[in-house]
C-alpha cells in the first residue's frame, strides 16, 4: 500500500491521535547519547541469588526443585503503602493517603539474564507470579486497580539492571484505565477482538501468531515501535487465564522482545499489562503492550497528547518478521 510521507492516525482505545512523519527521523542533532551503559562490578545486587537477605519481606516465591525461579518482595521505596485509608478528600484540592501495595517481581536469580535471554519456562513463571499476586491483592476490597509493568534500562526508568517488574495496587482507578473502560463500553462488542481480526486479515502489522496468541505493531502508536501481545480469544481478565495458555503468552513475549532487541539494537522499553479495574464487569480484553523508548516526547506531545512517530508501524513489522524467520 502506498503511503503519504505524513499521516494522522487515531488510537481508539486510548482516545489519542498519532502523527506519523516519516522524514523526522532524519533530523540532524549535535547531542550525544544521553546515557552510557556503565558496569558496576563493585555493586552488590540485592536481587541476585544468595543475596535474599538484602531484600525486603518476601510475598511470593516460585521454585523449581530447591532453586527459586521468581521471587516477589515488597518494594523498599514504595509509591504507595498498605496503611490506613482515611478520607481527606474534601475541599478544593482533593487528596487521599497513598494506600496500596508496591511490590517487585525479581524475574530470575541470574543477574545478567534479560527477557530475550530467558527460557520460555522462566517467562511463564514470571506471568504466573503476576497472576498469583493479582488474585491475592484482589481480596483487599479497598484496592480498585492493579498495574503491572516493567522498565528496561535507565532511559525507561529502571534503577537496577537485574531483570524485574513491578506491581502497584491503588485505591483509585487511574485515568488511562478509566479511558480504556469507557472506550470498550462505547464500542458495540469487544474492540480488541475486532482489531485483532482486522490485523490478522490485513497482515501488515502482525509479526507473530500462535494458536491462541497474536503479536502486532500498534496502528496508531503512543511510542514508535509500540506493539501488542494479546490472546486471540476474548479473555476479560488476566487472572482468568489458564496456565497452559500462559505458556503460549510467554513464548510470544520472548520472541517479540527478541525481535525488538534485534531491530532497534537493544533499546530501552516499558512493558505494561493492561487488565480491567477490580469489580469491573464491563467488556475488557486483557493484553500486554510494549513501548520502546527510542524517541522522546517533547513539547508538542506533552502539551497536546498527540504523539509523533518517525516510522510507519508497517515498516517496523516487516523488520520484526524478518528477524523472527531467522529465529524459527
Protein backbone atom coordinates (compact mmCIF):
# COMPACT_ATOMS: atom_id res chain seq x y z
CA UNK A 1 0.00 0.00 0.00
CA UNK A 2 1.35 3.42 -0.99
CA UNK A 3 1.67 5.81 1.94
CA UNK A 4 1.99 9.54 2.33
CA UNK A 5 5.12 10.95 3.91
CA UNK A 6 2.88 12.22 6.70
CA UNK A 7 -0.28 10.73 8.12
CA UNK A 8 -2.61 11.18 11.12
CA UNK A 9 -3.95 8.05 12.81
CA UNK A 10 -6.45 7.57 15.64
CA UNK A 11 -5.89 5.17 18.55
CA UNK A 12 -9.43 4.24 19.58
CA UNK A 13 -8.72 2.52 22.90
CA UNK A 14 -6.56 5.32 24.28
CA UNK A 15 -8.62 8.05 22.54
CA UNK A 16 -5.45 9.70 21.19
CA UNK A 17 -4.10 10.81 17.85
CA UNK A 18 -0.72 9.91 16.38
CA UNK A 19 1.14 11.91 13.74
CA UNK A 20 3.44 9.82 11.56
CA UNK A 21 6.11 11.95 9.88
CA UNK A 22 8.47 9.65 8.03
CA UNK A 23 11.25 12.19 7.49
CA UNK A 24 11.56 13.45 11.09
CA UNK A 25 13.97 10.64 11.92
CA UNK A 26 16.47 12.26 9.54
CA UNK A 27 16.69 15.47 11.59
CA UNK A 28 20.29 16.50 12.40
CA UNK A 29 21.41 16.63 16.01
CA UNK A 30 24.51 17.77 17.89
CA UNK A 31 23.59 15.84 21.03
CA UNK A 32 25.50 12.76 22.09
CA UNK A 33 23.77 9.71 23.56
CA UNK A 34 22.07 10.77 26.78
CA UNK A 35 23.02 7.74 28.81
CA UNK A 36 26.02 5.47 28.53
CA UNK A 37 25.94 1.90 29.78
CA UNK A 38 28.14 1.61 32.83
CA UNK A 39 29.33 -1.53 34.55
CA UNK A 40 29.13 -1.68 38.32
CA UNK A 41 31.38 -4.57 39.19
CA UNK A 42 31.67 -3.50 42.83
CA UNK A 43 27.90 -3.19 43.30
CA UNK A 44 26.26 -5.96 45.34
CA UNK A 45 22.90 -6.62 43.70
CA UNK A 46 20.16 -7.42 46.24
CA UNK A 47 18.24 -9.38 43.59
CA UNK A 48 21.00 -11.93 42.89
CA UNK A 49 20.73 -15.49 44.19
CA UNK A 50 22.46 -15.65 47.57
CA UNK A 51 21.51 -12.07 48.47
CA UNK A 52 17.94 -12.80 49.50
CA UNK A 53 18.64 -11.32 52.94
CA UNK A 54 19.18 -7.91 51.32
CA UNK A 55 15.62 -7.61 50.01
CA UNK A 56 12.51 -6.55 51.95
CA UNK A 57 9.87 -9.05 53.06
CA UNK A 58 9.11 -11.85 50.62
CA UNK A 59 5.49 -12.05 49.40
CA UNK A 60 5.79 -15.00 46.99
CA UNK A 61 8.43 -17.42 45.78
CA UNK A 62 8.12 -19.83 42.85
CA UNK A 63 10.63 -22.66 42.85
CA UNK A 64 11.79 -25.49 40.64
CA UNK A 65 13.26 -28.11 42.93
CA UNK A 66 15.35 -26.36 45.58
CA UNK A 67 16.08 -23.34 43.38
CA UNK A 68 13.87 -20.29 43.21
CA UNK A 69 12.93 -19.04 39.75
CA UNK A 70 10.90 -15.93 40.62
CA UNK A 71 10.57 -14.01 43.89
CA UNK A 72 8.11 -11.24 44.76
CA UNK A 73 9.17 -8.86 47.53
CA UNK A 74 7.94 -5.60 48.96
CA UNK A 75 9.38 -2.51 47.29
CA UNK A 76 11.96 -0.84 49.53
CA UNK A 77 10.91 2.57 48.22
CA UNK A 78 7.14 2.22 47.69
CA UNK A 79 4.98 4.71 45.82
CA UNK A 80 2.00 3.52 47.89
CA UNK A 81 1.80 1.72 51.23
CA UNK A 82 -0.53 -0.65 52.99
CA UNK A 83 -1.57 1.57 55.90
CA UNK A 84 -4.72 3.38 56.96
CA UNK A 85 -7.07 4.68 54.29
CA UNK A 86 -8.52 7.91 55.65
CA UNK A 87 -10.95 10.21 53.86
CA UNK A 88 -9.18 13.53 53.47
CA UNK A 89 -10.66 14.18 50.05
CA UNK A 90 -12.85 17.18 50.83
CA UNK A 91 -12.30 20.74 49.69
CA UNK A 92 -11.00 22.32 46.51
CA UNK A 93 -7.71 20.38 46.44
CA UNK A 94 -8.62 16.71 46.73
CA UNK A 95 -6.11 14.44 48.43
CA UNK A 96 -6.06 10.99 49.95
CA UNK A 97 -3.40 8.86 51.67
CA UNK A 98 -1.48 6.78 49.11
CA UNK A 99 -2.92 3.43 50.19
CA UNK A 100 -1.98 0.32 48.26
CA UNK A 101 0.69 -2.28 47.56
CA UNK A 102 4.01 -1.81 45.77
CA UNK A 103 5.94 -4.99 45.06
CA UNK A 104 8.95 -6.03 43.00
CA UNK A 105 8.94 -9.20 40.91
CA UNK A 106 12.53 -10.48 40.73
CA UNK A 107 12.32 -12.33 37.43
CA UNK A 108 15.41 -14.52 37.63
CA UNK A 109 18.12 -15.43 40.15
CA UNK A 110 20.77 -14.73 37.48
CA UNK A 111 22.00 -11.15 37.32
CA UNK A 112 22.69 -10.82 33.59
CA UNK A 113 19.63 -12.56 32.13
CA UNK A 114 17.02 -10.37 30.40
CA UNK A 115 13.69 -11.39 28.86
CA UNK A 116 15.23 -12.04 25.45
CA UNK A 117 17.77 -14.41 27.06
CA UNK A 118 15.37 -16.33 29.31
CA UNK A 119 13.74 -19.65 28.62
CA UNK A 120 10.02 -19.76 27.87
CA UNK A 121 9.60 -21.60 31.18
CA UNK A 122 11.25 -18.75 33.10
CA UNK A 123 8.94 -16.17 31.49
CA UNK A 124 5.96 -18.42 32.26
CA UNK A 125 6.95 -18.32 35.94
CA UNK A 126 7.01 -14.51 35.76
CA UNK A 127 3.48 -14.43 34.32
CA UNK A 128 2.34 -16.96 36.91
CA UNK A 129 3.72 -14.74 39.70
CA UNK A 130 1.80 -11.77 38.27
CA UNK A 131 -1.37 -13.84 38.19
CA UNK A 132 -0.93 -15.13 41.75
CA UNK A 133 -0.36 -11.66 43.16
CA UNK A 134 -3.39 -10.22 41.34
CA UNK A 135 -5.57 -12.95 42.84
CA UNK A 136 -4.17 -12.29 46.33
CA UNK A 137 -4.37 -8.48 46.20
CA UNK A 138 -7.92 -8.63 44.83
CA UNK A 139 -9.04 -9.86 48.26
CA UNK A 140 -8.40 -6.38 49.65
CA UNK A 141 -11.70 -4.60 48.94
CA UNK A 142 -10.05 -1.19 49.31
CA UNK A 143 -7.97 -1.82 46.18
CA UNK A 144 -9.55 -0.80 42.88
CA UNK A 145 -6.81 -1.49 40.36
CA UNK A 146 -3.51 -3.34 39.95
CA UNK A 147 -0.94 -2.16 37.42
CA UNK A 148 1.95 -4.43 36.45
CA UNK A 149 4.81 -3.01 34.43
CA UNK A 150 8.48 -3.46 33.59
CA UNK A 151 11.08 -0.75 32.97
CA UNK A 152 14.08 -1.87 30.92
CA UNK A 153 17.21 0.28 31.09
CA UNK A 154 17.80 3.60 32.81
CA UNK A 155 16.25 5.65 29.99
CA UNK A 156 12.95 3.84 30.62
CA UNK A 157 13.03 4.45 34.38
CA UNK A 158 14.91 1.37 35.59
CA UNK A 159 17.15 1.82 38.64
CA UNK A 160 18.57 -1.74 38.92
CA UNK A 161 19.71 -3.67 35.85
CA UNK A 162 18.76 -7.09 37.30
CA UNK A 163 15.62 -8.12 35.41
CA UNK A 164 12.49 -7.26 37.38
CA UNK A 165 8.97 -5.97 37.01
CA UNK A 166 6.74 -4.12 39.45
CA UNK A 167 3.23 -4.41 40.85
CA UNK A 168 1.42 -1.28 42.03
CA UNK A 169 -2.07 -1.69 43.50
CA UNK A 170 -4.03 1.51 44.14
CA UNK A 171 -7.20 2.58 45.92
CA UNK A 172 -8.26 4.56 42.84
CA UNK A 173 -8.73 3.80 39.15
CA UNK A 174 -6.04 5.59 37.07
CA UNK A 175 -7.12 7.89 34.24
CA UNK A 176 -5.77 5.65 31.46
CA UNK A 177 -7.75 2.68 32.75
CA UNK A 178 -10.89 4.83 33.00
CA UNK A 179 -10.44 5.83 29.37
CA UNK A 180 -9.90 2.22 28.27
CA UNK A 181 -13.05 1.08 30.08
CA UNK A 182 -15.07 3.94 28.59
CA UNK A 183 -13.85 3.18 25.06
CA UNK A 184 -14.57 -0.55 25.45
CA UNK A 185 -18.07 0.26 26.71
CA UNK A 186 -18.80 2.73 23.91
CA UNK A 187 -17.90 0.19 21.23
CA UNK A 188 -20.52 -2.27 20.02
CA UNK A 189 -18.83 -5.51 21.10
CA UNK A 190 -15.17 -6.08 22.02
CA UNK A 191 -13.00 -3.56 20.22
CA UNK A 192 -9.80 -5.57 20.71
CA UNK A 193 -11.37 -8.76 19.32
CA UNK A 194 -12.35 -6.83 16.19
CA UNK A 195 -8.96 -5.10 15.99
CA UNK A 196 -7.18 -8.46 16.18
CA UNK A 197 -9.44 -9.89 13.47
CA UNK A 198 -8.62 -6.91 11.24
CA UNK A 199 -4.88 -7.19 11.96
CA UNK A 200 -4.88 -10.88 11.02
CA UNK A 201 -6.82 -10.08 7.85
CA UNK A 202 -4.51 -7.26 6.74
CA UNK A 203 -1.25 -8.94 7.91
CA UNK A 204 0.65 -5.65 7.55
CA UNK A 205 1.39 -5.05 11.24
CA UNK A 206 1.14 -8.61 12.60
CA UNK A 207 4.53 -10.25 13.12
CA UNK A 208 3.88 -13.38 15.19
CA UNK A 209 0.94 -15.70 15.84
CA UNK A 210 0.36 -18.98 17.66
CA UNK A 211 -2.82 -20.99 18.07
CA UNK A 212 -4.01 -18.72 20.89
CA UNK A 213 -1.83 -15.58 20.92
CA UNK A 214 -1.08 -12.80 18.45
CA UNK A 215 1.59 -10.07 18.39
CA UNK A 216 1.34 -6.98 16.19
CA UNK A 217 2.50 -3.37 15.88
CA UNK A 218 0.08 -0.70 17.05
CA UNK A 219 -1.71 1.04 14.16
CA UNK A 220 -1.50 4.41 15.95
CA UNK A 221 1.40 4.03 18.39
CA UNK A 222 1.95 6.13 21.50
CA UNK A 223 5.66 5.35 21.11
CA UNK A 224 7.48 4.43 17.91
CA UNK A 225 7.64 0.65 17.61
CA UNK A 226 4.86 0.03 20.16
CA UNK A 227 3.42 -3.47 19.91
CA UNK A 228 0.68 -5.58 21.48
CA UNK A 229 0.69 -9.20 22.64
CA UNK A 230 -2.87 -10.42 23.20
CA UNK A 231 -4.97 -13.58 23.47
CA UNK A 232 -6.83 -14.36 20.25
CA UNK A 233 -9.96 -15.38 22.11
CA UNK A 234 -11.78 -12.98 24.39
CA UNK A 235 -10.47 -13.21 27.96
CA UNK A 236 -11.74 -10.49 30.29
CA UNK A 237 -9.05 -10.53 32.94
CA UNK A 238 -5.53 -11.88 33.31
CA UNK A 239 -6.25 -13.95 36.42
CA UNK A 240 -8.83 -15.94 34.41
CA UNK A 241 -6.10 -17.15 32.05
CA UNK A 242 -5.15 -20.82 32.39
CA UNK A 243 -1.52 -21.75 32.99
CA UNK A 244 -1.29 -23.77 29.77
CA UNK A 245 -2.37 -20.64 27.89
CA UNK A 246 0.25 -18.55 29.71
CA UNK A 247 2.98 -20.78 28.26
CA UNK A 248 1.99 -19.55 24.78
CA UNK A 249 1.97 -15.97 26.04
CA UNK A 250 5.46 -16.49 27.47
CA UNK A 251 6.77 -17.80 24.14
CA UNK A 252 5.18 -14.89 22.28
CA UNK A 253 6.67 -12.33 24.68
CA UNK A 254 10.14 -13.86 24.36
CA UNK A 255 10.03 -13.83 20.55
CA UNK A 256 8.56 -10.31 20.38
CA UNK A 257 11.15 -8.87 22.77
CA UNK A 258 13.93 -10.66 20.88
CA UNK A 259 12.74 -9.02 17.65
CA UNK A 260 12.61 -5.61 19.34
CA UNK A 261 16.13 -6.01 20.73
CA UNK A 262 17.49 -7.07 17.34
CA UNK A 263 15.74 -4.47 15.18
CA UNK A 264 16.35 -1.46 17.45
CA UNK A 265 19.75 -2.51 18.86
CA UNK A 266 18.60 -3.41 22.38
CA UNK A 267 16.62 -0.24 23.18
CA UNK A 268 15.12 0.81 26.50
CA UNK A 269 11.43 -0.02 26.76
CA UNK A 270 8.44 -0.13 29.08
CA UNK A 271 6.20 -3.17 29.19
CA UNK A 272 2.72 -2.97 30.71
CA UNK A 273 -0.06 -5.45 31.42
CA UNK A 274 -3.49 -3.95 30.78
CA UNK A 275 -6.25 -5.52 32.86
CA UNK A 276 -9.66 -4.18 33.96
CA UNK A 277 -10.13 -2.50 37.34
CA UNK A 278 -11.37 -4.77 40.12
CA UNK A 279 -15.14 -5.32 40.24
CA UNK A 280 -15.48 -4.00 36.69
CA UNK A 281 -17.88 -6.29 34.83
CA UNK A 282 -17.99 -4.40 31.53
CA UNK A 283 -16.27 -5.53 28.36
CA UNK A 284 -12.48 -5.75 28.56
CA UNK A 285 -9.82 -7.82 26.81
CA UNK A 286 -6.52 -8.09 28.69
CA UNK A 287 -3.33 -7.56 26.75
CA UNK A 288 0.34 -6.63 27.05
CA UNK A 289 1.80 -3.52 25.41
CA UNK A 290 5.48 -2.78 24.94
CA UNK A 291 6.55 0.84 24.48
CA UNK A 292 10.09 1.22 23.05
CA UNK A 293 11.80 4.40 24.23
CA UNK A 294 13.72 5.14 21.06
CA UNK A 295 12.31 8.66 20.79
CA UNK A 296 11.34 11.21 23.43
CA UNK A 297 8.08 13.02 23.95
CA UNK A 298 8.77 16.74 23.60
CA UNK A 299 6.72 19.93 23.86
CA UNK A 300 4.09 19.12 21.22
CA UNK A 301 3.42 15.62 22.55
CA UNK A 302 3.25 16.75 26.18
CA UNK A 303 1.05 19.79 25.55
CA UNK A 304 -1.44 18.15 23.18
CA UNK A 305 -1.43 14.43 24.00
CA UNK A 306 -0.83 13.86 20.26
CA UNK A 307 2.12 11.62 19.54
CA UNK A 308 4.62 11.87 16.66
CA UNK A 309 6.30 8.81 15.15
CA UNK A 310 9.03 9.00 12.51
CA UNK A 311 8.46 5.48 11.14
CA UNK A 312 5.41 3.60 9.93
CA UNK A 313 4.50 0.56 12.06
CA UNK A 314 4.06 -1.47 8.87
CA UNK A 315 7.75 -0.96 8.06
CA UNK A 316 8.80 -1.98 11.57
CA UNK A 317 6.61 -5.09 11.40
CA UNK A 318 8.49 -6.20 8.26
CA UNK A 319 11.78 -5.96 10.16
CA UNK A 320 10.31 -7.90 13.10
CA UNK A 321 9.05 -10.66 10.78
CA UNK A 322 12.44 -10.90 9.08
CA UNK A 323 14.18 -11.35 12.43
CA UNK A 324 11.67 -13.93 13.64
CA UNK A 325 12.08 -16.00 10.46
CA UNK A 326 15.76 -16.34 11.34
CA UNK A 327 14.87 -17.45 14.88
CA UNK A 328 12.36 -20.16 13.99
